[in-house]
Amino acid sequence: MTSPLDKLREYGYELPMPKAPVATYIPVTRTGNIVYVSGQISSDANGVAEGKLGETMNVVQGGNAAELAAVNFLSQIVHTAGVDLSKVRKVLKLTVFVNSTPEFAEHHLVANGASNLIVGVLGDKGKHARSAVGMAALPLGAAVEVEGIIEVED
């Protein structure tokens, strides 16, 4: 059986160490078997994937940025919450924030970048409810931010 981390590697990613929060919040909080992951922006070792959908980025580029944010979401689960990805019972909800122009209307297609990676890595446990919304701006000029709620094993 292929592990979630092996599946992530098939996408070409390793889990990075999470960056420290840039404001007054904690990146993860847990109550019982429910883990809440704060918004994770589209960034990697090369920096923040900046852009505005409908202006400086297209849907494919936005989907790639959403994928990066999803990797950071998974990283917080493992490195900050201390939960092995094989112990995720269910991704309950993702919210995908898309930095976009007022005219842009394909937020759902951008959000698929995050959803597809999560389901690809976690299988049926990764299938989730989701909201995809447009924002006038995101922290550090990020193109996409992803937050979510997961249920984990004891």
Protein backbone atom coordinates (compact mmCIF):
# COMPACT_ATOMS: atom_id res chain seq x y z
CA MET A 1 0.00 0.00 0.00
CA THR A 2 1.34 3.43 -0.95
CA SER A 3 1.64 5.86 1.97
CA PRO A 4 0.21 9.39 1.77
CA LEU A 5 3.76 10.81 1.77
CA ASP A 6 4.70 8.54 -1.15
CA LYS A 7 1.60 9.76 -2.99
CA LEU A 8 2.64 13.35 -2.28
CA ARG A 9 6.06 12.58 -3.76
CA GLU A 10 4.31 11.35 -6.92
CA TYR A 11 3.06 14.94 -7.26
CA GLY A 12 6.68 16.08 -6.95
CA TYR A 13 6.47 17.42 -3.40
CA GLU A 14 8.08 16.80 -0.03
CA LEU A 15 6.45 18.21 3.09
CA PRO A 16 8.27 21.42 4.00
CA MET A 17 8.78 22.57 7.56
CA PRO A 18 6.03 25.11 8.22
CA LYS A 19 6.98 28.76 8.42
CA ALA A 20 6.24 30.65 11.62
CA PRO A 21 3.01 32.66 11.60
CA VAL A 22 3.42 36.26 10.45
CA ALA A 23 0.66 37.56 12.73
CA THR A 24 -0.93 36.84 16.11
CA TYR A 25 -2.46 33.39 15.67
CA ILE A 26 -1.54 29.74 15.93
CA PRO A 27 -1.36 27.68 12.76
CA VAL A 28 -3.21 24.66 14.17
CA THR A 29 -5.63 24.08 17.00
CA ARG A 30 -7.12 20.79 18.10
CA THR A 31 -10.12 19.82 20.16
CA GLY A 32 -10.65 16.09 20.62
CA ASN A 33 -10.29 14.45 17.21
CA ILE A 34 -10.95 17.63 15.24
CA VAL A 35 -8.00 19.67 13.91
CA TYR A 36 -8.43 23.18 12.54
CA VAL A 37 -5.67 24.38 10.23
CA SER A 38 -5.29 28.13 9.76
CA GLY A 39 -5.00 29.56 6.28
CA GLN A 40 -1.89 28.41 4.42
CA ILE A 41 -0.72 30.55 1.53
CA SER A 42 0.66 29.50 -1.83
CA SER A 43 4.37 29.39 -1.14
CA ASP A 44 7.35 27.09 -1.40
CA ALA A 45 11.14 27.26 -1.02
CA ASN A 46 11.22 29.83 -3.83
CA GLY A 47 8.91 32.20 -1.94
CA VAL A 48 5.30 33.24 -2.20
CA ALA A 49 3.40 32.41 -5.40
CA GLU A 50 1.98 35.89 -5.89
CA GLY A 51 -0.67 36.97 -8.33
CA LYS A 52 -4.23 38.01 -8.99
CA LEU A 53 -6.50 35.68 -10.93
CA GLY A 54 -8.08 37.47 -13.86
CA GLU A 55 -5.22 39.96 -14.02
CA THR A 56 -1.72 38.47 -13.68
CA MET A 57 -2.57 34.75 -13.44
CA ASN A 58 -4.72 32.31 -15.39
CA VAL A 59 -6.71 29.37 -14.01
CA VAL A 60 -3.90 26.85 -14.56
CA GLN A 61 -1.39 29.04 -12.71
CA GLY A 62 -3.96 29.59 -9.95
CA GLY A 63 -4.54 25.85 -9.67
CA ASN A 64 -0.80 25.33 -9.28
CA ALA A 65 -0.75 27.97 -6.53
CA ALA A 66 -3.68 26.22 -4.81
CA GLU A 67 -1.69 22.99 -4.94
CA LEU A 68 1.21 24.70 -3.13
CA ALA A 69 -1.17 25.98 -0.45
CA ALA A 70 -2.55 22.45 -0.04
CA VAL A 71 0.97 21.08 0.49
CA ASN A 72 1.44 23.66 3.24
CA PHE A 73 -1.92 22.64 4.73
CA LEU A 74 -0.73 19.01 4.88
CA SER A 75 2.59 20.15 6.33
CA GLN A 76 0.84 21.83 9.24
CA ILE A 77 -1.09 18.63 9.97
CA VAL A 78 2.11 16.59 10.17
CA HIS A 79 4.67 19.01 11.59
CA THR A 80 2.58 21.24 13.84
CA ALA A 81 -0.35 19.03 14.86
CA GLY A 82 1.91 15.97 15.01
CA VAL A 83 -0.54 13.81 13.07
CA ASP A 84 0.73 11.22 10.60
CA LEU A 85 -1.26 11.59 7.37
CA SER A 86 -2.24 7.93 7.60
CA LYS A 87 -4.12 8.87 10.83
CA VAL A 88 -6.39 11.35 9.07
CA ARG A 89 -9.93 9.94 9.23
CA LYS A 90 -11.56 12.58 7.06
CA VAL A 91 -10.94 16.01 5.61
CA LEU A 92 -14.19 17.63 6.64
CA LYS A 93 -13.96 21.05 5.02
CA LEU A 94 -11.60 23.16 2.93
CA THR A 95 -11.99 26.84 2.29
CA VAL A 96 -9.99 28.15 -0.65
CA PHE A 97 -9.46 31.90 -0.88
CA VAL A 98 -8.52 33.16 -4.34
CA ASN A 99 -6.86 36.55 -4.87
CA SER A 100 -8.88 37.75 -7.86
CA THR A 101 -10.35 40.61 -9.78
CA PRO A 102 -14.06 41.36 -9.24
CA GLU A 103 -14.83 39.99 -12.72
CA PHE A 104 -13.08 36.64 -12.20
CA ALA A 105 -15.66 33.85 -11.77
CA GLU A 106 -13.67 30.59 -11.91
CA HIS A 107 -12.66 30.30 -8.26
CA HIS A 108 -13.96 26.74 -8.19
CA LEU A 109 -11.53 25.73 -10.95
CA VAL A 110 -8.59 27.28 -9.09
CA ALA A 111 -9.69 25.53 -5.88
CA ASN A 112 -9.58 22.20 -7.72
CA GLY A 113 -5.78 22.43 -7.52
CA ALA A 114 -6.00 22.08 -3.73
CA SER A 115 -8.86 19.57 -3.73
CA ASN A 116 -7.27 17.31 -6.33
CA LEU A 117 -3.98 17.17 -4.41
CA ILE A 118 -5.69 16.44 -1.07
CA VAL A 119 -7.82 13.65 -2.56
CA GLY A 120 -4.85 12.33 -4.54
CA VAL A 121 -2.75 12.07 -1.39
CA LEU A 122 -5.42 10.91 1.09
CA GLY A 123 -7.82 9.01 -1.18
CA ASP A 124 -11.46 8.83 -0.06
CA LYS A 125 -10.47 10.25 3.35
CA GLY A 126 -9.53 13.43 1.51
CA LYS A 127 -12.97 13.99 -0.07
CA HIS A 128 -14.34 17.11 1.55
CA ALA A 129 -16.94 19.84 1.63
CA ARG A 130 -15.49 23.04 0.17
CA SER A 131 -15.99 26.74 -0.32
CA ALA A 132 -14.06 28.68 -2.95
CA VAL A 133 -14.25 32.45 -2.66
CA GLY A 134 -12.67 35.47 -4.29
CA MET A 135 -10.76 38.03 -2.27
CA ALA A 136 -9.51 41.52 -3.11
CA ALA A 137 -6.10 40.62 -1.62
CA LEU A 138 -4.38 37.93 0.44
CA PRO A 139 -1.44 38.10 2.87
CA LEU A 140 1.95 38.78 1.27
CA GLY A 141 0.29 39.05 -2.15
CA ALA A 142 -0.35 35.30 -2.27
CA ALA A 143 -2.49 34.03 -5.11
CA VAL A 144 -4.28 31.42 -2.98
CA GLU A 145 -4.84 30.56 0.68
CA VAL A 146 -6.29 27.27 1.98
CA GLU A 147 -7.68 26.52 5.43
CA GLY A 148 -9.46 23.44 6.64
CA ILE A 149 -10.91 21.16 9.25
CA ILE A 150 -9.97 17.49 9.58
CA GLU A 151 -10.93 14.58 11.78
CA VAL A 152 -8.08 12.40 13.03
CA GLU A 153 -7.77 9.06 14.81
CA ASP A 154 -7.17 9.03 18.57
